[in-house]
């Protein structure tokens, strides 16, 4: 049974906890193991030391409009006018094919919703050092009724465009994932191999202060049945 954490504000203040790691990993609980706790809502269950974010109330006041991919060239299709993004559900993934190491991964899913969401953690940094972030990520994307053995739909360009991963960083240690001045990796697309398989993504940045917040973000274009995202075995190092 998860414990309950109810933030007093939409964006909680996060205290940097030094990791207990012999391999130089700056993240705490990088393997997404152990108990989960409720963060604001009973359907948002996040593993210890990590926090959720999403482009919807209450994390983003007033929510976010769904993208119109046909307008920016991301895809040929468009979403209905006025469609808003939804708040995903979060849980630990304990199915054998849905975690990479240990006994679990962090999962979130947007059931028949468009969403941009993920998890974040603040790490200790030293100004001027180069920090490298890596994560193993996985996508499940299909409108079919099925269970984990149902493959993602990759039959069209629009289907393959549905899931995009990105690593974002606030080098000042802020915890708002949609601030306008965040550092950001390139988008990791279908071609990067994360549909129905674990793929490693990475990003490097120069530390500016005593802490930095790392956001692992997934962006979904279409409000389909299975919009499931998985993160496991993350690593952060600075030197």
C-alpha atoms as a PDB file:
ATOM      1  CA  UNK A   1       0.000   0.000   0.000  1.00  0.00           C
ATOM      2  CA  UNK A   2       1.515   3.334  -0.974  1.00  0.00           C
ATOM      3  CA  UNK A   3       1.936   6.118   1.524  1.00  0.00           C
ATOM      4  CA  UNK A   4       0.290   9.453   0.806  1.00  0.00           C
ATOM      5  CA  UNK A   5       2.081  12.683  -0.057  1.00  0.00           C
ATOM      6  CA  UNK A   6      -0.127  15.721  -0.644  1.00  0.00           C
ATOM      7  CA  UNK A   7       1.917  18.717  -1.831  1.00  0.00           C
ATOM      8  CA  UNK A   8       0.973  22.056  -0.313  1.00  0.00           C
ATOM      9  CA  UNK A   9       1.563  23.613  -3.734  1.00  0.00           C
ATOM     10  CA  UNK A  10       1.378  22.249  -7.267  1.00  0.00           C
ATOM     11  CA  UNK A  11       5.170  22.230  -7.474  1.00  0.00           C
ATOM     12  CA  UNK A  12       6.724  20.881  -4.256  1.00  0.00           C
ATOM     13  CA  UNK A  13      10.008  22.110  -2.865  1.00  0.00           C
ATOM     14  CA  UNK A  14      12.546  19.319  -3.201  1.00  0.00           C
ATOM     15  CA  UNK A  15      15.488  18.915  -0.849  1.00  0.00           C
ATOM     16  CA  UNK A  16      18.641  17.540  -2.451  1.00  0.00           C
ATOM     17  CA  UNK A  17      19.569  14.286  -0.703  1.00  0.00           C
ATOM     18  CA  UNK A  18      23.105  12.989  -1.280  1.00  0.00           C
ATOM     19  CA  UNK A  19      22.881   9.562  -2.931  1.00  0.00           C
ATOM     20  CA  UNK A  20      24.206   6.479  -1.194  1.00  0.00           C
ATOM     21  CA  UNK A  21      26.054   5.142  -4.223  1.00  0.00           C
ATOM     22  CA  UNK A  22      29.449   3.581  -4.821  1.00  0.00           C
ATOM     23  CA  UNK A  23      29.322   3.954  -8.604  1.00  0.00           C
ATOM     24  CA  UNK A  24      29.163   7.754  -8.692  1.00  0.00           C
ATOM     25  CA  UNK A  25      25.480   7.913  -9.590  1.00  0.00           C
ATOM     26  CA  UNK A  26      24.055  11.206  -8.314  1.00  0.00           C
ATOM     27  CA  UNK A  27      20.443  10.015  -8.428  1.00  0.00           C
ATOM     28  CA  UNK A  28      18.729   8.524  -5.399  1.00  0.00           C
ATOM     29  CA  UNK A  29      16.815   5.324  -6.231  1.00  0.00           C
ATOM     30  CA  UNK A  30      17.958   5.259  -9.873  1.00  0.00           C
ATOM     31  CA  UNK A  31      16.506   1.774 -10.353  1.00  0.00           C
ATOM     32  CA  UNK A  32      12.954   2.870  -9.457  1.00  0.00           C
ATOM     33  CA  UNK A  33      12.721   0.259  -6.714  1.00  0.00           C
ATOM     34  CA  UNK A  34      10.777  -0.076  -3.475  1.00  0.00           C
ATOM     35  CA  UNK A  35       7.501   1.334  -2.261  1.00  0.00           C
ATOM     36  CA  UNK A  36       5.465   3.989  -4.025  1.00  0.00           C
ATOM     37  CA  UNK A  37       3.535   6.846  -2.447  1.00  0.00           C
ATOM     38  CA  UNK A  38       0.525   8.885  -3.513  1.00  0.00           C
ATOM     39  CA  UNK A  39       1.399  12.367  -4.724  1.00  0.00           C
ATOM     40  CA  UNK A  40      -1.718  14.514  -4.607  1.00  0.00           C
ATOM     41  CA  UNK A  41      -4.056  11.857  -6.050  1.00  0.00           C
ATOM     42  CA  UNK A  42      -4.542   8.160  -5.319  1.00  0.00           C
ATOM     43  CA  UNK A  43      -3.899   7.309  -8.972  1.00  0.00           C
ATOM     44  CA  UNK A  44      -0.485   9.015  -8.925  1.00  0.00           C
ATOM     45  CA  UNK A  45       1.827   6.456  -7.321  1.00  0.00           C
ATOM     46  CA  UNK A  46       5.508   7.335  -7.620  1.00  0.00           C
ATOM     47  CA  UNK A  47       8.555   5.476  -6.331  1.00  0.00           C
ATOM     48  CA  UNK A  48      10.504   7.022  -3.482  1.00  0.00           C
ATOM     49  CA  UNK A  49      12.803   9.995  -4.199  1.00  0.00           C
ATOM     50  CA  UNK A  50      11.019  10.842  -7.479  1.00  0.00           C
ATOM     51  CA  UNK A  51       8.276  13.361  -8.251  1.00  0.00           C
ATOM     52  CA  UNK A  52       5.656  13.418 -11.011  1.00  0.00           C
ATOM     53  CA  UNK A  53       4.847  16.213 -13.427  1.00  0.00           C
ATOM     54  CA  UNK A  54       2.221  16.574 -16.132  1.00  0.00           C
ATOM     55  CA  UNK A  55       0.705  19.274 -18.337  1.00  0.00           C
ATOM     56  CA  UNK A  56      -2.638  19.487 -16.524  1.00  0.00           C
ATOM     57  CA  UNK A  57      -4.148  20.807 -13.291  1.00  0.00           C
ATOM     58  CA  UNK A  58      -2.910  21.154 -10.627  1.00  0.00           C
ATOM     59  CA  UNK A  59       0.722  20.935 -11.784  1.00  0.00           C
ATOM     60  CA  UNK A  60      -0.068  23.391 -14.584  1.00  0.00           C
ATOM     61  CA  UNK A  61      -2.828  25.790 -13.602  1.00  0.00           C
ATOM     62  CA  UNK A  62      -5.535  25.748 -16.245  1.00  0.00           C
ATOM     63  CA  UNK A  63      -4.046  22.768 -18.043  1.00  0.00           C
ATOM     64  CA  UNK A  64      -2.562  22.590 -21.535  1.00  0.00           C
ATOM     65  CA  UNK A  65      -4.056  22.433 -24.985  1.00  0.00           C
ATOM     66  CA  UNK A  66      -3.359  19.267 -26.934  1.00  0.00           C
ATOM     67  CA  UNK A  67      -0.896  19.701 -29.802  1.00  0.00           C
ATOM     68  CA  UNK A  68      -2.044  20.041 -33.394  1.00  0.00           C
ATOM     69  CA  UNK A  69       0.654  18.024 -35.182  1.00  0.00           C
ATOM     70  CA  UNK A  70      -0.681  18.776 -38.658  1.00  0.00           C
ATOM     71  CA  UNK A  71       0.085  22.460 -38.118  1.00  0.00           C
ATOM     72  CA  UNK A  72       3.745  22.146 -37.099  1.00  0.00           C
ATOM     73  CA  UNK A  73       4.616  19.248 -39.384  1.00  0.00           C
ATOM     74  CA  UNK A  74       5.032  16.694 -36.595  1.00  0.00           C
ATOM     75  CA  UNK A  75       2.393  14.468 -38.206  1.00  0.00           C
ATOM     76  CA  UNK A  76      -0.293  14.651 -40.865  1.00  0.00           C
ATOM     77  CA  UNK A  77      -3.250  14.214 -38.506  1.00  0.00           C
ATOM     78  CA  UNK A  78      -4.774  16.741 -36.119  1.00  0.00           C
ATOM     79  CA  UNK A  79      -6.555  16.542 -32.785  1.00  0.00           C
ATOM     80  CA  UNK A  80     -10.060  17.975 -32.282  1.00  0.00           C
ATOM     81  CA  UNK A  81     -10.161  21.724 -31.715  1.00  0.00           C
ATOM     82  CA  UNK A  82     -10.177  22.568 -28.029  1.00  0.00           C
ATOM     83  CA  UNK A  83      -8.877  19.183 -26.888  1.00  0.00           C
ATOM     84  CA  UNK A  84      -6.936  19.483 -23.629  1.00  0.00           C
ATOM     85  CA  UNK A  85      -4.158  17.288 -22.319  1.00  0.00           C
ATOM     86  CA  UNK A  86      -4.992  14.928 -19.475  1.00  0.00           C
ATOM     87  CA  UNK A  87      -3.381  13.937 -16.206  1.00  0.00           C
ATOM     88  CA  UNK A  88      -1.845  10.467 -16.436  1.00  0.00           C
ATOM     89  CA  UNK A  89      -1.883   7.712 -13.866  1.00  0.00           C
ATOM     90  CA  UNK A  90       1.442   6.682 -12.338  1.00  0.00           C
ATOM     91  CA  UNK A  91       2.423   3.329 -10.864  1.00  0.00           C
ATOM     92  CA  UNK A  92       5.362   0.989 -10.395  1.00  0.00           C
ATOM     93  CA  UNK A  93       5.721  -1.412 -13.313  1.00  0.00           C
ATOM     94  CA  UNK A  94       6.393  -4.943 -12.064  1.00  0.00           C
ATOM     95  CA  UNK A  95       5.623  -6.991 -15.184  1.00  0.00           C
ATOM     96  CA  UNK A  96       8.777  -8.832 -16.214  1.00  0.00           C
ATOM     97  CA  UNK A  97       9.065  -7.239 -19.661  1.00  0.00           C
ATOM     98  CA  UNK A  98       8.216  -3.790 -18.313  1.00  0.00           C
ATOM     99  CA  UNK A  99      11.219  -3.218 -16.078  1.00  0.00           C
ATOM    100  CA  UNK A 100      14.840  -3.402 -17.129  1.00  0.00           C
ATOM    101  CA  UNK A 101      16.656  -4.172 -13.879  1.00  0.00           C
ATOM    102  CA  UNK A 102      15.777  -4.962 -10.296  1.00  0.00           C
ATOM    103  CA  UNK A 103      12.101  -5.634  -9.701  1.00  0.00           C
ATOM    104  CA  UNK A 104      10.317  -2.538 -11.015  1.00  0.00           C
ATOM    105  CA  UNK A 105      10.349   0.548 -13.220  1.00  0.00           C
ATOM    106  CA  UNK A 106       8.356   3.779 -13.027  1.00  0.00           C
ATOM    107  CA  UNK A 107       5.363   3.763 -15.354  1.00  0.00           C
ATOM    108  CA  UNK A 108       2.712   6.320 -16.289  1.00  0.00           C
ATOM    109  CA  UNK A 109      -0.119   6.018 -18.777  1.00  0.00           C
ATOM    110  CA  UNK A 110      -2.641   8.312 -20.439  1.00  0.00           C
ATOM    111  CA  UNK A 111      -5.744   6.218 -21.138  1.00  0.00           C
ATOM    112  CA  UNK A 112      -7.483   7.803 -24.154  1.00  0.00           C
ATOM    113  CA  UNK A 113      -5.705  11.084 -23.391  1.00  0.00           C
ATOM    114  CA  UNK A 114      -3.089  13.288 -24.999  1.00  0.00           C
ATOM    115  CA  UNK A 115      -0.438  14.026 -22.403  1.00  0.00           C
ATOM    116  CA  UNK A 116       3.016  15.368 -21.691  1.00  0.00           C
ATOM    117  CA  UNK A 117       4.310  13.963 -18.423  1.00  0.00           C
ATOM    118  CA  UNK A 118       7.186  12.390 -16.573  1.00  0.00           C
ATOM    119  CA  UNK A 119       9.225  12.261 -13.390  1.00  0.00           C
ATOM    120  CA  UNK A 120      11.985  14.414 -11.936  1.00  0.00           C
ATOM    121  CA  UNK A 121      14.624  14.588  -9.228  1.00  0.00           C
ATOM    122  CA  UNK A 122      17.029  17.286  -8.042  1.00  0.00           C
ATOM    123  CA  UNK A 123      20.718  16.349  -7.827  1.00  0.00           C
ATOM    124  CA  UNK A 124      23.746  18.061  -6.283  1.00  0.00           C
ATOM    125  CA  UNK A 125      26.114  19.725  -8.772  1.00  0.00           C
ATOM    126  CA  UNK A 126      29.286  21.814  -8.808  1.00  0.00           C
ATOM    127  CA  UNK A 127      29.372  24.912 -11.050  1.00  0.00           C
ATOM    128  CA  UNK A 128      31.414  24.419 -14.197  1.00  0.00           C
ATOM    129  CA  UNK A 129      31.352  20.636 -14.180  1.00  0.00           C
ATOM    130  CA  UNK A 130      29.994  18.692 -17.154  1.00  0.00           C
ATOM    131  CA  UNK A 131      27.087  16.483 -16.136  1.00  0.00           C
ATOM    132  CA  UNK A 132      25.847  13.542 -18.180  1.00  0.00           C
ATOM    133  CA  UNK A 133      22.385  12.061 -17.750  1.00  0.00           C
ATOM    134  CA  UNK A 134      21.279   8.685 -19.106  1.00  0.00           C
ATOM    135  CA  UNK A 135      18.059   6.706 -18.799  1.00  0.00           C
ATOM    136  CA  UNK A 136      16.527   3.566 -20.195  1.00  0.00           C
ATOM    137  CA  UNK A 137      13.046   4.263 -21.550  1.00  0.00           C
ATOM    138  CA  UNK A 138      10.288   2.266 -23.197  1.00  0.00           C
ATOM    139  CA  UNK A 139       7.073   3.072 -25.092  1.00  0.00           C
ATOM    140  CA  UNK A 140       3.817   1.172 -25.512  1.00  0.00           C
ATOM    141  CA  UNK A 141       1.498   2.819 -28.032  1.00  0.00           C
ATOM    142  CA  UNK A 142      -1.615   1.187 -29.478  1.00  0.00           C
ATOM    143  CA  UNK A 143      -5.359   1.662 -29.722  1.00  0.00           C
ATOM    144  CA  UNK A 144      -5.939  -2.095 -29.632  1.00  0.00           C
ATOM    145  CA  UNK A 145      -7.640  -3.771 -26.697  1.00  0.00           C
ATOM    146  CA  UNK A 146      -4.983  -5.988 -25.216  1.00  0.00           C
ATOM    147  CA  UNK A 147      -2.448  -6.696 -22.524  1.00  0.00           C
ATOM    148  CA  UNK A 148       1.330  -6.362 -22.389  1.00  0.00           C
ATOM    149  CA  UNK A 149       1.896  -8.848 -25.209  1.00  0.00           C
ATOM    150  CA  UNK A 150      -0.046  -6.610 -27.630  1.00  0.00           C
ATOM    151  CA  UNK A 151       2.530  -4.808 -29.798  1.00  0.00           C
ATOM    152  CA  UNK A 152       2.591  -1.085 -30.396  1.00  0.00           C
ATOM    153  CA  UNK A 153       0.993   0.223 -33.569  1.00  0.00           C
ATOM    154  CA  UNK A 154       3.790   1.390 -35.857  1.00  0.00           C
ATOM    155  CA  UNK A 155       1.936   0.912 -39.134  1.00  0.00           C
ATOM    156  CA  UNK A 156       1.800   4.586 -40.158  1.00  0.00           C
ATOM    157  CA  UNK A 157       3.991   7.660 -39.795  1.00  0.00           C
ATOM    158  CA  UNK A 158       1.394   9.238 -37.503  1.00  0.00           C
ATOM    159  CA  UNK A 159       1.381   6.149 -35.263  1.00  0.00           C
ATOM    160  CA  UNK A 160       5.170   6.170 -35.084  1.00  0.00           C
ATOM    161  CA  UNK A 161       5.114   9.869 -34.152  1.00  0.00           C
ATOM    162  CA  UNK A 162       2.929   9.287 -31.088  1.00  0.00           C
ATOM    163  CA  UNK A 163       5.673   8.920 -28.463  1.00  0.00           C
ATOM    164  CA  UNK A 164       8.666  11.223 -28.059  1.00  0.00           C
ATOM    165  CA  UNK A 165      11.103  11.287 -25.161  1.00  0.00           C
ATOM    166  CA  UNK A 166      13.175  14.234 -23.988  1.00  0.00           C
ATOM    167  CA  UNK A 167      15.518  14.976 -21.078  1.00  0.00           C
ATOM    168  CA  UNK A 168      15.144  18.467 -19.617  1.00  0.00           C
ATOM    169  CA  UNK A 169      17.263  20.186 -16.977  1.00  0.00           C
ATOM    170  CA  UNK A 170      16.759  23.192 -14.743  1.00  0.00           C
ATOM    171  CA  UNK A 171      20.376  24.097 -13.902  1.00  0.00           C
ATOM    172  CA  UNK A 172      19.182  26.291 -11.013  1.00  0.00           C
ATOM    173  CA  UNK A 173      17.421  23.419  -9.238  1.00  0.00           C
ATOM    174  CA  UNK A 174      13.876  24.611  -9.955  1.00  0.00           C
ATOM    175  CA  UNK A 175      11.153  21.986 -10.042  1.00  0.00           C
ATOM    176  CA  UNK A 176       8.731  23.330 -12.669  1.00  0.00           C
ATOM    177  CA  UNK A 177       9.007  21.139 -15.746  1.00  0.00           C
ATOM    178  CA  UNK A 178       7.477  23.675 -18.119  1.00  0.00           C
ATOM    179  CA  UNK A 179       9.561  26.738 -17.296  1.00  0.00           C
ATOM    180  CA  UNK A 180      10.613  28.603 -20.409  1.00  0.00           C
ATOM    181  CA  UNK A 181      14.359  28.597 -19.798  1.00  0.00           C
ATOM    182  CA  UNK A 182      15.108  24.900 -19.241  1.00  0.00           C
ATOM    183  CA  UNK A 183      17.921  23.086 -20.989  1.00  0.00           C
ATOM    184  CA  UNK A 184      16.622  20.370 -23.277  1.00  0.00           C
ATOM    185  CA  UNK A 185      17.921  17.416 -25.247  1.00  0.00           C
ATOM    186  CA  UNK A 186      16.813  16.579 -28.736  1.00  0.00           C
ATOM    187  CA  UNK A 187      13.633  14.527 -28.969  1.00  0.00           C
ATOM    188  CA  UNK A 188      14.128  10.768 -29.027  1.00  0.00           C
ATOM    189  CA  UNK A 189      11.784   9.356 -31.651  1.00  0.00           C
ATOM    190  CA  UNK A 190      10.537   5.999 -32.913  1.00  0.00           C
ATOM    191  CA  UNK A 191      13.777   5.640 -34.852  1.00  0.00           C
ATOM    192  CA  UNK A 192      15.668   5.634 -31.545  1.00  0.00           C
ATOM    193  CA  UNK A 193      14.211   2.225 -30.734  1.00  0.00           C
ATOM    194  CA  UNK A 194      12.019   2.739 -27.644  1.00  0.00           C
ATOM    195  CA  UNK A 195       8.757   1.260 -28.997  1.00  0.00           C
ATOM    196  CA  UNK A 196       8.272  -2.137 -27.287  1.00  0.00           C
ATOM    197  CA  UNK A 197      11.955  -2.214 -26.304  1.00  0.00           C
ATOM    198  CA  UNK A 198      14.307  -0.575 -23.840  1.00  0.00           C
ATOM    199  CA  UNK A 199      16.410   2.196 -25.384  1.00  0.00           C
ATOM    200  CA  UNK A 200      19.010   4.352 -23.676  1.00  0.00           C
ATOM    201  CA  UNK A 201      18.751   8.122 -24.036  1.00  0.00           C
ATOM    202  CA  UNK A 202      21.315  10.667 -22.847  1.00  0.00           C
ATOM    203  CA  UNK A 203      22.029  14.372 -22.441  1.00  0.00           C
ATOM    204  CA  UNK A 204      24.995  16.414 -21.172  1.00  0.00           C
ATOM    205  CA  UNK A 205      25.018  19.934 -19.733  1.00  0.00           C
ATOM    206  CA  UNK A 206      27.284  22.299 -17.824  1.00  0.00           C
ATOM    207  CA  UNK A 207      26.346  22.758 -14.166  1.00  0.00           C
ATOM    208  CA  UNK A 208      25.620  26.344 -13.145  1.00  0.00           C
ATOM    209  CA  UNK A 209      24.945  26.051  -9.427  1.00  0.00           C
ATOM    210  CA  UNK A 210      24.854  23.747  -6.421  1.00  0.00           C
ATOM    211  CA  UNK A 211      21.885  21.764  -7.721  1.00  0.00           C
ATOM    212  CA  UNK A 212      20.083  20.868 -10.934  1.00  0.00           C
ATOM    213  CA  UNK A 213      16.738  19.223 -11.556  1.00  0.00           C
ATOM    214  CA  UNK A 214      16.482  16.521 -14.199  1.00  0.00           C
ATOM    215  CA  UNK A 215      13.147  15.815 -15.901  1.00  0.00           C
ATOM    216  CA  UNK A 216      12.475  12.662 -17.913  1.00  0.00           C
ATOM    217  CA  UNK A 217       9.565  13.650 -20.148  1.00  0.00           C
ATOM    218  CA  UNK A 218       7.378  11.741 -22.590  1.00  0.00           C
ATOM    219  CA  UNK A 219       5.151  13.513 -25.124  1.00  0.00           C
ATOM    220  CA  UNK A 220       2.055  11.830 -26.603  1.00  0.00           C
ATOM    221  CA  UNK A 221       0.245  13.168 -29.645  1.00  0.00           C
ATOM    222  CA  UNK A 222      -2.913  11.061 -29.853  1.00  0.00           C
ATOM    223  CA  UNK A 223      -5.669  10.175 -27.329  1.00  0.00           C
ATOM    224  CA  UNK A 224      -5.475   6.407 -27.825  1.00  0.00           C
ATOM    225  CA  UNK A 225      -6.078   3.487 -25.486  1.00  0.00           C
ATOM    226  CA  UNK A 226      -2.536   2.506 -24.501  1.00  0.00           C
ATOM    227  CA  UNK A 227      -0.267   5.522 -24.038  1.00  0.00           C
ATOM    228  CA  UNK A 228       2.180   3.903 -21.610  1.00  0.00           C
ATOM    229  CA  UNK A 229       5.664   5.174 -20.721  1.00  0.00           C
ATOM    230  CA  UNK A 230       8.389   3.450 -18.682  1.00  0.00           C
ATOM    231  CA  UNK A 231      11.677   4.668 -17.147  1.00  0.00           C
ATOM    232  CA  UNK A 232      14.322   2.568 -15.415  1.00  0.00           C
ATOM    233  CA  UNK A 233      18.030   2.475 -14.538  1.00  0.00           C
ATOM    234  CA  UNK A 234      18.840   6.179 -14.770  1.00  0.00           C
ATOM    235  CA  UNK A 235      22.317   7.587 -14.159  1.00  0.00           C
ATOM    236  CA  UNK A 236      23.761  11.034 -13.459  1.00  0.00           C
ATOM    237  CA  UNK A 237      27.448  11.898 -13.164  1.00  0.00           C
ATOM    238  CA  UNK A 238      29.382  15.180 -13.120  1.00  0.00           C
ATOM    239  CA  UNK A 239      33.091  15.852 -13.471  1.00  0.00           C
END
